[in-house]
Amino acid sequence: MPSTTPFIDSVTGELDRAQVLSEAIPIGKLIGLFVTLSLVPFGLVFLALGSSPVGEVLVILGQFILAVGTGIVLMYVVARGTQLSGE
């Protein structure tokens, strides 16, 4: 059973930079989405609400968004890795 290694060009044996880039861009966009979403509550706390009770809730909300985003990105990476290993 011949095995092909992902991200390695089978002809030259070198790193396939185009495939690496094509896999990195969706991951970067997904990370950027959750960072942008978390900047909304963090920005409100930083600019307006400070150390009020509402500010504390917004900080917790921002951290929750980042935690959920981390989980989703990790699930995407594992699922995509499983797909690539099957190809």
PDB file of N, CA and C in Angstrom:
ATOM      1  N   MET A   1       0.848  -1.164   0.000  1.00  0.00           N
ATOM      2  CA  MET A   1       0.000   0.000   0.000  1.00  0.00           C
ATOM      3  C   MET A   1       0.899   1.234   0.000  1.00  0.00           C
ATOM      4  N   PRO A   2       0.934   1.994  -1.107  1.00  0.00           N
ATOM      5  CA  PRO A   2       1.768   3.192  -1.152  1.00  0.00           C
ATOM      6  C   PRO A   2       1.149   4.307  -0.315  1.00  0.00           C
ATOM      7  N   SER A   3       1.962   4.943   0.473  1.00  0.00           N
ATOM      8  CA  SER A   3       1.453   6.036   1.292  1.00  0.00           C
ATOM      9  C   SER A   3       1.944   7.359   0.722  1.00  0.00           C
ATOM     10  N   THR A   4       1.026   8.318   0.629  1.00  0.00           N
ATOM     11  CA  THR A   4       1.392   9.651   0.194  1.00  0.00           C
ATOM     12  C   THR A   4       1.370  10.556   1.414  1.00  0.00           C
ATOM     13  N   THR A   5       2.356  11.359   1.523  1.00  0.00           N
ATOM     14  CA  THR A   5       2.467  12.259   2.656  1.00  0.00           C
ATOM     15  C   THR A   5       1.842  13.603   2.287  1.00  0.00           C
ATOM     16  N   PRO A   6       0.892  14.079   3.083  1.00  0.00           N
ATOM     17  CA  PRO A   6       0.317  15.398   2.789  1.00  0.00           C
ATOM     18  C   PRO A   6       1.378  16.491   2.859  1.00  0.00           C
ATOM     19  N   PHE A   7       1.231  17.477   2.022  1.00  0.00           N
ATOM     20  CA  PHE A   7       2.088  18.663   1.975  1.00  0.00           C
ATOM     21  C   PHE A   7       3.477  18.377   1.421  1.00  0.00           C
ATOM     22  N   ILE A   8       3.717  17.194   0.896  1.00  0.00           N
ATOM     23  CA  ILE A   8       4.996  16.866   0.268  1.00  0.00           C
ATOM     24  C   ILE A   8       4.729  16.565  -1.200  1.00  0.00           C
ATOM     25  N   ASP A   9       5.463  17.224  -2.076  1.00  0.00           N
ATOM     26  CA  ASP A   9       5.338  16.980  -3.508  1.00  0.00           C
ATOM     27  C   ASP A   9       5.908  15.601  -3.811  1.00  0.00           C
ATOM     28  N   SER A  10       5.089  14.735  -4.403  1.00  0.00           N
ATOM     29  CA  SER A  10       5.519  13.352  -4.622  1.00  0.00           C
ATOM     30  C   SER A  10       6.611  13.247  -5.681  1.00  0.00           C
ATOM     31  N   VAL A  11       6.708  14.208  -6.577  1.00  0.00           N
ATOM     32  CA  VAL A  11       7.717  14.158  -7.634  1.00  0.00           C
ATOM     33  C   VAL A  11       9.081  14.592  -7.118  1.00  0.00           C
ATOM     34  N   THR A  12       9.145  15.744  -6.464  1.00  0.00           N
ATOM     35  CA  THR A  12      10.426  16.291  -6.026  1.00  0.00           C
ATOM     36  C   THR A  12      10.771  15.937  -4.586  1.00  0.00           C
ATOM     37  N   GLY A  13       9.780  15.595  -3.776  1.00  0.00           N
ATOM     38  CA  GLY A  13      10.033  15.295  -2.370  1.00  0.00           C
ATOM     39  C   GLY A  13      10.171  16.533  -1.502  1.00  0.00           C
ATOM     40  N   GLU A  14       9.866  17.697  -2.083  1.00  0.00           N
ATOM     41  CA  GLU A  14       9.959  18.949  -1.329  1.00  0.00           C
ATOM     42  C   GLU A  14       8.590  19.347  -0.791  1.00  0.00           C
ATOM     43  N   LEU A  15       8.600  20.348   0.053  1.00  0.00           N
ATOM     44  CA  LEU A  15       7.375  20.859   0.652  1.00  0.00           C
ATOM     45  C   LEU A  15       6.520  21.515  -0.420  1.00  0.00           C
ATOM     46  N   ASP A  16       5.247  21.153  -0.478  1.00  0.00           N
ATOM     47  CA  ASP A  16       4.303  21.725  -1.438  1.00  0.00           C
ATOM     48  C   ASP A  16       3.702  22.984  -0.824  1.00  0.00           C
ATOM     49  N   ARG A  17       4.327  24.115  -1.111  1.00  0.00           N
ATOM     50  CA  ARG A  17       3.925  25.383  -0.489  1.00  0.00           C
ATOM     51  C   ARG A  17       2.511  25.800  -0.891  1.00  0.00           C
ATOM     52  N   ALA A  18       2.084  25.476  -2.083  1.00  0.00           N
ATOM     53  CA  ALA A  18       0.733  25.838  -2.513  1.00  0.00           C
ATOM     54  C   ALA A  18      -0.319  25.101  -1.691  1.00  0.00           C
ATOM     55  N   GLN A  19      -0.086  23.841  -1.399  1.00  0.00           N
ATOM     56  CA  GLN A  19      -1.039  23.078  -0.588  1.00  0.00           C
ATOM     57  C   GLN A  19      -1.039  23.569   0.855  1.00  0.00           C
ATOM     58  N   VAL A  20       0.128  23.897   1.378  1.00  0.00           N
ATOM     59  CA  VAL A  20       0.200  24.431   2.745  1.00  0.00           C
ATOM     60  C   VAL A  20      -0.586  25.732   2.832  1.00  0.00           C
ATOM     61  N   LEU A  21      -0.402  26.599   1.848  1.00  0.00           N
ATOM     62  CA  LEU A  21      -1.109  27.875   1.839  1.00  0.00           C
ATOM     63  C   LEU A  21      -2.609  27.672   1.669  1.00  0.00           C
ATOM     64  N   SER A  22      -2.998  26.730   0.819  1.00  0.00           N
ATOM     65  CA  SER A  22      -4.428  26.494   0.615  1.00  0.00           C
ATOM     66  C   SER A  22      -5.098  25.913   1.860  1.00  0.00           C
ATOM     67  N   GLU A  23      -4.349  25.260   2.711  1.00  0.00           N
ATOM     68  CA  GLU A  23      -4.902  24.755   3.968  1.00  0.00           C
ATOM     69  C   GLU A  23      -4.825  25.795   5.085  1.00  0.00           C
ATOM     70  N   ALA A  24      -3.846  26.691   5.037  1.00  0.00           N
ATOM     71  CA  ALA A  24      -3.662  27.673   6.102  1.00  0.00           C
ATOM     72  C   ALA A  24      -4.650  28.836   6.002  1.00  0.00           C
ATOM     73  N   ILE A  25      -5.048  29.188   4.796  1.00  0.00           N
ATOM     74  CA  ILE A  25      -5.941  30.339   4.630  1.00  0.00           C
ATOM     75  C   ILE A  25      -7.294  30.121   5.306  1.00  0.00           C
ATOM     76  N   PRO A  26      -7.987  28.986   5.113  1.00  0.00           N
ATOM     77  CA  PRO A  26      -9.268  28.820   5.831  1.00  0.00           C
ATOM     78  C   PRO A  26      -9.115  28.797   7.353  1.00  0.00           C
ATOM     79  N   ILE A  27      -8.022  28.236   7.833  1.00  0.00           N
ATOM     80  CA  ILE A  27      -7.795  28.223   9.284  1.00  0.00           C
ATOM     81  C   ILE A  27      -7.585  29.647   9.788  1.00  0.00           C
ATOM     82  N   GLY A  28      -6.813  30.426   9.042  1.00  0.00           N
ATOM     83  CA  GLY A  28      -6.593  31.819   9.418  1.00  0.00           C
ATOM     84  C   GLY A  28      -7.874  32.634   9.412  1.00  0.00           C
ATOM     85  N   LYS A  29      -8.729  32.389   8.425  1.00  0.00           N
ATOM     86  CA  LYS A  29     -10.011  33.099   8.372  1.00  0.00           C
ATOM     87  C   LYS A  29     -10.899  32.712   9.549  1.00  0.00           C
ATOM     88  N   LEU A  30     -10.888  31.447   9.905  1.00  0.00           N
ATOM     89  CA  LEU A  30     -11.694  30.988  11.034  1.00  0.00           C
ATOM     90  C   LEU A  30     -11.202  31.599  12.348  1.00  0.00           C
ATOM     91  N   ILE A  31      -9.895  31.646  12.519  1.00  0.00           N
ATOM     92  CA  ILE A  31      -9.325  32.279  13.706  1.00  0.00           C
ATOM     93  C   ILE A  31      -9.656  33.762  13.730  1.00  0.00           C
ATOM     94  N   GLY A  32      -9.510  34.415  12.577  1.00  0.00           N
ATOM     95  CA  GLY A  32      -9.814  35.843  12.485  1.00  0.00           C
ATOM     96  C   GLY A  32     -11.261  36.156  12.807  1.00  0.00           C
ATOM     97  N   LEU A  33     -12.175  35.272  12.413  1.00  0.00           N
ATOM     98  CA  LEU A  33     -13.582  35.466  12.709  1.00  0.00           C
ATOM     99  C   LEU A  33     -13.825  35.516  14.219  1.00  0.00           C
ATOM    100  N   PHE A  34     -13.270  34.555  14.939  1.00  0.00           N
ATOM    101  CA  PHE A  34     -13.519  34.514  16.381  1.00  0.00           C
ATOM    102  C   PHE A  34     -12.773  35.618  17.131  1.00  0.00           C
ATOM    103  N   VAL A  35     -11.616  36.004  16.651  1.00  0.00           N
ATOM    104  CA  VAL A  35     -10.915  37.123  17.276  1.00  0.00           C
ATOM    105  C   VAL A  35     -11.716  38.408  17.075  1.00  0.00           C
ATOM    106  N   THR A  36     -12.236  38.596  15.867  1.00  0.00           N
ATOM    107  CA  THR A  36     -13.043  39.779  15.595  1.00  0.00           C
ATOM    108  C   THR A  36     -14.309  39.798  16.450  1.00  0.00           C
ATOM    109  N   LEU A  37     -14.957  38.647  16.569  1.00  0.00           N
ATOM    110  CA  LEU A  37     -16.159  38.576  17.410  1.00  0.00           C
ATOM    111  C   LEU A  37     -15.849  38.883  18.872  1.00  0.00           C
ATOM    112  N   SER A  38     -14.701  38.442  19.345  1.00  0.00           N
ATOM    113  CA  SER A  38     -14.363  38.691  20.749  1.00  0.00           C
ATOM    114  C   SER A  38     -13.905  40.126  20.985  1.00  0.00           C
ATOM    115  N   LEU A  39     -13.452  40.798  19.938  1.00  0.00           N
ATOM    116  CA  LEU A  39     -13.026  42.191  20.117  1.00  0.00           C
ATOM    117  C   LEU A  39     -14.192  43.126  20.418  1.00  0.00           C
ATOM    118  N   VAL A  40     -15.393  42.750  20.021  1.00  0.00           N
ATOM    119  CA  VAL A  40     -16.557  43.604  20.297  1.00  0.00           C
ATOM    120  C   VAL A  40     -16.774  43.756  21.804  1.00  0.00           C
ATOM    121  N   PRO A  41     -16.946  42.670  22.575  1.00  0.00           N
ATOM    122  CA  PRO A  41     -17.133  42.894  24.024  1.00  0.00           C
ATOM    123  C   PRO A  41     -15.883  43.430  24.717  1.00  0.00           C
ATOM    124  N   PHE A  42     -14.697  42.979  24.288  1.00  0.00           N
ATOM    125  CA  PHE A  42     -13.478  43.502  24.903  1.00  0.00           C
ATOM    126  C   PHE A  42     -13.310  44.994  24.603  1.00  0.00           C
ATOM    127  N   GLY A  43     -13.662  45.404  23.403  1.00  0.00           N
ATOM    128  CA  GLY A  43     -13.572  46.819  23.048  1.00  0.00           C
ATOM    129  C   GLY A  43     -14.532  47.671  23.849  1.00  0.00           C
ATOM    130  N   LEU A  44     -15.743  47.167  24.055  1.00  0.00           N
ATOM    131  CA  LEU A  44     -16.703  47.913  24.873  1.00  0.00           C
ATOM    132  C   LEU A  44     -16.194  48.086  26.299  1.00  0.00           C
ATOM    133  N   VAL A  45     -15.594  47.052  26.829  1.00  0.00           N
ATOM    134  CA  VAL A  45     -15.052  47.148  28.190  1.00  0.00           C
ATOM    135  C   VAL A  45     -13.911  48.145  28.223  1.00  0.00           C
ATOM    136  N   PHE A  46     -13.043  48.064  27.253  1.00  0.00           N
ATOM    137  CA  PHE A  46     -11.867  48.938  27.237  1.00  0.00           C
ATOM    138  C   PHE A  46     -12.253  50.401  27.028  1.00  0.00           C
ATOM    139  N   LEU A  47     -13.194  50.657  26.137  1.00  0.00           N
ATOM    140  CA  LEU A  47     -13.522  52.035  25.782  1.00  0.00           C
ATOM    141  C   LEU A  47     -14.554  52.680  26.693  1.00  0.00           C
ATOM    142  N   ALA A  48     -15.514  51.915  27.221  1.00  0.00           N
ATOM    143  CA  ALA A  48     -16.622  52.573  27.894  1.00  0.00           C
ATOM    144  C   ALA A  48     -16.947  52.043  29.285  1.00  0.00           C
ATOM    145  N   LEU A  49     -16.999  50.743  29.436  1.00  0.00           N
ATOM    146  CA  LEU A  49     -17.623  50.212  30.642  1.00  0.00           C
ATOM    147  C   LEU A  49     -16.662  49.951  31.794  1.00  0.00           C
ATOM    148  N   GLY A  50     -15.394  49.810  31.522  1.00  0.00           N
ATOM    149  CA  GLY A  50     -14.407  49.662  32.570  1.00  0.00           C
ATOM    150  C   GLY A  50     -14.678  48.526  33.523  1.00  0.00           C
ATOM    151  N   SER A  51     -14.614  48.818  34.817  1.00  0.00           N
ATOM    152  CA  SER A  51     -14.739  47.773  35.830  1.00  0.00           C
ATOM    153  C   SER A  51     -16.141  47.720  36.440  1.00  0.00           C
ATOM    154  N   SER A  52     -17.134  48.028  35.640  1.00  0.00           N
ATOM    155  CA  SER A  52     -18.512  47.923  36.127  1.00  0.00           C
ATOM    156  C   SER A  52     -18.964  46.467  36.062  1.00  0.00           C
ATOM    157  N   PRO A  53     -20.074  46.134  36.695  1.00  0.00           N
ATOM    158  CA  PRO A  53     -20.578  44.749  36.596  1.00  0.00           C
ATOM    159  C   PRO A  53     -20.891  44.337  35.155  1.00  0.00           C
ATOM    160  N   VAL A  54     -21.378  45.264  34.355  1.00  0.00           N
ATOM    161  CA  VAL A  54     -21.640  44.961  32.948  1.00  0.00           C
ATOM    162  C   VAL A  54     -20.325  44.687  32.225  1.00  0.00           C
ATOM    163  N   GLY A  55     -19.289  45.429  32.581  1.00  0.00           N
ATOM    164  CA  GLY A  55     -17.973  45.204  31.994  1.00  0.00           C
ATOM    165  C   GLY A  55     -17.432  43.824  32.315  1.00  0.00           C
ATOM    166  N   GLU A  56     -17.660  43.387  33.543  1.00  0.00           N
ATOM    167  CA  GLU A  56     -17.201  42.051  33.932  1.00  0.00           C
ATOM    168  C   GLU A  56     -17.933  40.964  33.157  1.00  0.00           C
ATOM    169  N   VAL A  57     -19.212  41.165  32.924  1.00  0.00           N
ATOM    170  CA  VAL A  57     -19.981  40.196  32.137  1.00  0.00           C
ATOM    171  C   VAL A  57     -19.476  40.173  30.692  1.00  0.00           C
ATOM    172  N   LEU A  58     -19.161  41.340  30.160  1.00  0.00           N
ATOM    173  CA  LEU A  58     -18.650  41.400  28.792  1.00  0.00           C
ATOM    174  C   LEU A  58     -17.270  40.751  28.665  1.00  0.00           C
ATOM    175  N   VAL A  59     -16.445  40.873  29.685  1.00  0.00           N
ATOM    176  CA  VAL A  59     -15.147  40.193  29.667  1.00  0.00           C
ATOM    177  C   VAL A  59     -15.351  38.683  29.649  1.00  0.00           C
ATOM    178  N   ILE A  60     -16.266  38.202  30.462  1.00  0.00           N
ATOM    179  CA  ILE A  60     -16.560  36.766  30.483  1.00  0.00           C
ATOM    180  C   ILE A  60     -17.111  36.324  29.126  1.00  0.00           C
ATOM    181  N   LEU A  61     -17.967  37.149  28.520  1.00  0.00           N
ATOM    182  CA  LEU A  61     -18.503  36.838  27.200  1.00  0.00           C
ATOM    183  C   LEU A  61     -17.385  36.772  26.152  1.00  0.00           C
ATOM    184  N   GLY A  62     -16.461  37.721  26.192  1.00  0.00           N
ATOM    185  CA  GLY A  62     -15.340  37.701  25.257  1.00  0.00           C
ATOM    186  C   GLY A  62     -14.469  36.469  25.427  1.00  0.00           C
ATOM    187  N   GLN A  63     -14.220  36.088  26.658  1.00  0.00           N
ATOM    188  CA  GLN A  63     -13.437  34.877  26.912  1.00  0.00           C
ATOM    189  C   GLN A  63     -14.181  33.622  26.462  1.00  0.00           C
ATOM    190  N   PHE A  64     -15.485  33.626  26.625  1.00  0.00           N
ATOM    191  CA  PHE A  64     -16.292  32.495  26.178  1.00  0.00           C
ATOM    192  C   PHE A  64     -16.237  32.366  24.655  1.00  0.00           C
ATOM    193  N   ILE A  65     -16.334  33.490  23.957  1.00  0.00           N
ATOM    194  CA  ILE A  65     -16.240  33.469  22.498  1.00  0.00           C
ATOM    195  C   ILE A  65     -14.890  32.908  22.069  1.00  0.00           C
ATOM    196  N   LEU A  66     -13.820  33.317  22.719  1.00  0.00           N
ATOM    197  CA  LEU A  66     -12.489  32.806  22.372  1.00  0.00           C
ATOM    198  C   LEU A  66     -12.370  31.311  22.677  1.00  0.00           C
ATOM    199  N   ALA A  67     -12.949  30.869  23.783  1.00  0.00           N
ATOM    200  CA  ALA A  67     -12.882  29.446  24.128  1.00  0.00           C
ATOM    201  C   ALA A  67     -13.657  28.592  23.131  1.00  0.00           C
ATOM    202  N   VAL A  68     -14.847  29.036  22.773  1.00  0.00           N
ATOM    203  CA  VAL A  68     -15.636  28.300  21.782  1.00  0.00           C
ATOM    204  C   VAL A  68     -14.933  28.321  20.431  1.00  0.00           C
ATOM    205  N   GLY A  69     -14.371  29.454  20.067  1.00  0.00           N
ATOM    206  CA  GLY A  69     -13.636  29.552  18.811  1.00  0.00           C
ATOM    207  C   GLY A  69     -12.441  28.625  18.776  1.00  0.00           C
ATOM    208  N   THR A  70     -11.740  28.509  19.877  1.00  0.00           N
ATOM    209  CA  THR A  70     -10.606  27.590  19.950  1.00  0.00           C
ATOM    210  C   THR A  70     -11.051  26.152  19.728  1.00  0.00           C
ATOM    211  N   GLY A  71     -12.163  25.785  20.357  1.00  0.00           N
ATOM    212  CA  GLY A  71     -12.688  24.433  20.177  1.00  0.00           C
ATOM    213  C   GLY A  71     -13.103  24.163  18.738  1.00  0.00           C
ATOM    214  N   ILE A  72     -13.745  25.133  18.107  1.00  0.00           N
ATOM    215  CA  ILE A  72     -14.187  24.953  16.729  1.00  0.00           C
ATOM    216  C   ILE A  72     -12.995  24.858  15.787  1.00  0.00           C
ATOM    217  N   VAL A  73     -11.987  25.690  15.999  1.00  0.00           N
ATOM    218  CA  VAL A  73     -10.786  25.628  15.156  1.00  0.00           C
ATOM    219  C   VAL A  73     -10.088  24.280  15.331  1.00  0.00           C
ATOM    220  N   LEU A  74      -9.984  23.801  16.542  1.00  0.00           N
ATOM    221  CA  LEU A  74      -9.349  22.500  16.770  1.00  0.00           C
ATOM    222  C   LEU A  74     -10.139  21.367  16.131  1.00  0.00           C
ATOM    223  N   MET A  75     -11.469  21.426  16.215  1.00  0.00           N
ATOM    224  CA  MET A  75     -12.281  20.400  15.560  1.00  0.00           C
ATOM    225  C   MET A  75     -12.106  20.451  14.045  1.00  0.00           C
ATOM    226  N   TYR A  76     -12.006  21.657  13.484  1.00  0.00           N
ATOM    227  CA  TYR A  76     -11.787  21.789  12.040  1.00  0.00           C
ATOM    228  C   TYR A  76     -10.442  21.183  11.649  1.00  0.00           C
ATOM    229  N   VAL A  77      -9.414  21.478  12.423  1.00  0.00           N
ATOM    230  CA  VAL A  77      -8.076  20.966  12.106  1.00  0.00           C
ATOM    231  C   VAL A  77      -8.052  19.442  12.172  1.00  0.00           C
ATOM    232  N   VAL A  78      -8.667  18.868  13.192  1.00  0.00           N
ATOM    233  CA  VAL A  78      -8.690  17.402  13.319  1.00  0.00           C
ATOM    234  C   VAL A  78      -9.494  16.786  12.178  1.00  0.00           C
ATOM    235  N   ALA A  79     -10.651  17.368  11.865  1.00  0.00           N
ATOM    236  CA  ALA A  79     -11.477  16.826  10.779  1.00  0.00           C
ATOM    237  C   ALA A  79     -10.753  16.935   9.439  1.00  0.00           C
ATOM    238  N   ARG A  80     -10.101  18.060   9.199  1.00  0.00           N
ATOM    239  CA  ARG A  80      -9.381  18.239   7.936  1.00  0.00           C
ATOM    240  C   ARG A  80      -8.173  17.316   7.866  1.00  0.00           C
ATOM    241  N   GLY A  81      -7.510  17.120   8.972  1.00  0.00           N
ATOM    242  CA  GLY A  81      -6.381  16.179   9.009  1.00  0.00           C
ATOM    243  C   GLY A  81      -6.817  14.755   8.725  1.00  0.00           C
ATOM    244  N   THR A  82      -7.991  14.390   9.241  1.00  0.00           N
ATOM    245  CA  THR A  82      -8.526  13.061   8.969  1.00  0.00           C
ATOM    246  C   THR A  82      -8.866  12.915   7.492  1.00  0.00           C
ATOM    247  N   GLN A  83      -9.439  13.960   6.900  1.00  0.00           N
ATOM    248  CA  GLN A  83      -9.743  13.930   5.475  1.00  0.00           C
ATOM    249  C   GLN A  83      -8.467  13.802   4.648  1.00  0.00           C
ATOM    250  N   LEU A  84      -7.449  14.556   5.002  1.00  0.00           N
ATOM    251  CA  LEU A  84      -6.196  14.519   4.243  1.00  0.00           C
ATOM    252  C   LEU A  84      -5.496  13.159   4.371  1.00  0.00           C
ATOM    253  N   SER A  85      -5.603  12.533   5.505  1.00  0.00           N
ATOM    254  CA  SER A  85      -4.944  11.246   5.679  1.00  0.00           C
ATOM    255  C   SER A  85      -5.640  10.151   4.882  1.00  0.00           C
ATOM    256  N   GLY A  86      -6.929  10.350   4.595  1.00  0.00           N
ATOM    257  CA  GLY A  86      -7.660   9.372   3.811  1.00  0.00           C
ATOM    258  C   GLY A  86      -7.465   9.509   2.316  1.00  0.00           C
ATOM    259  N   GLU A  87      -6.935  10.646   1.876  1.00  0.00           N
ATOM    260  CA  GLU A  87      -6.745  10.892   0.433  1.00  0.00           C
ATOM    261  C   GLU A  87      -5.498  10.237  -0.086  1.00  0.00           C
TER     262      GLU A  87
END
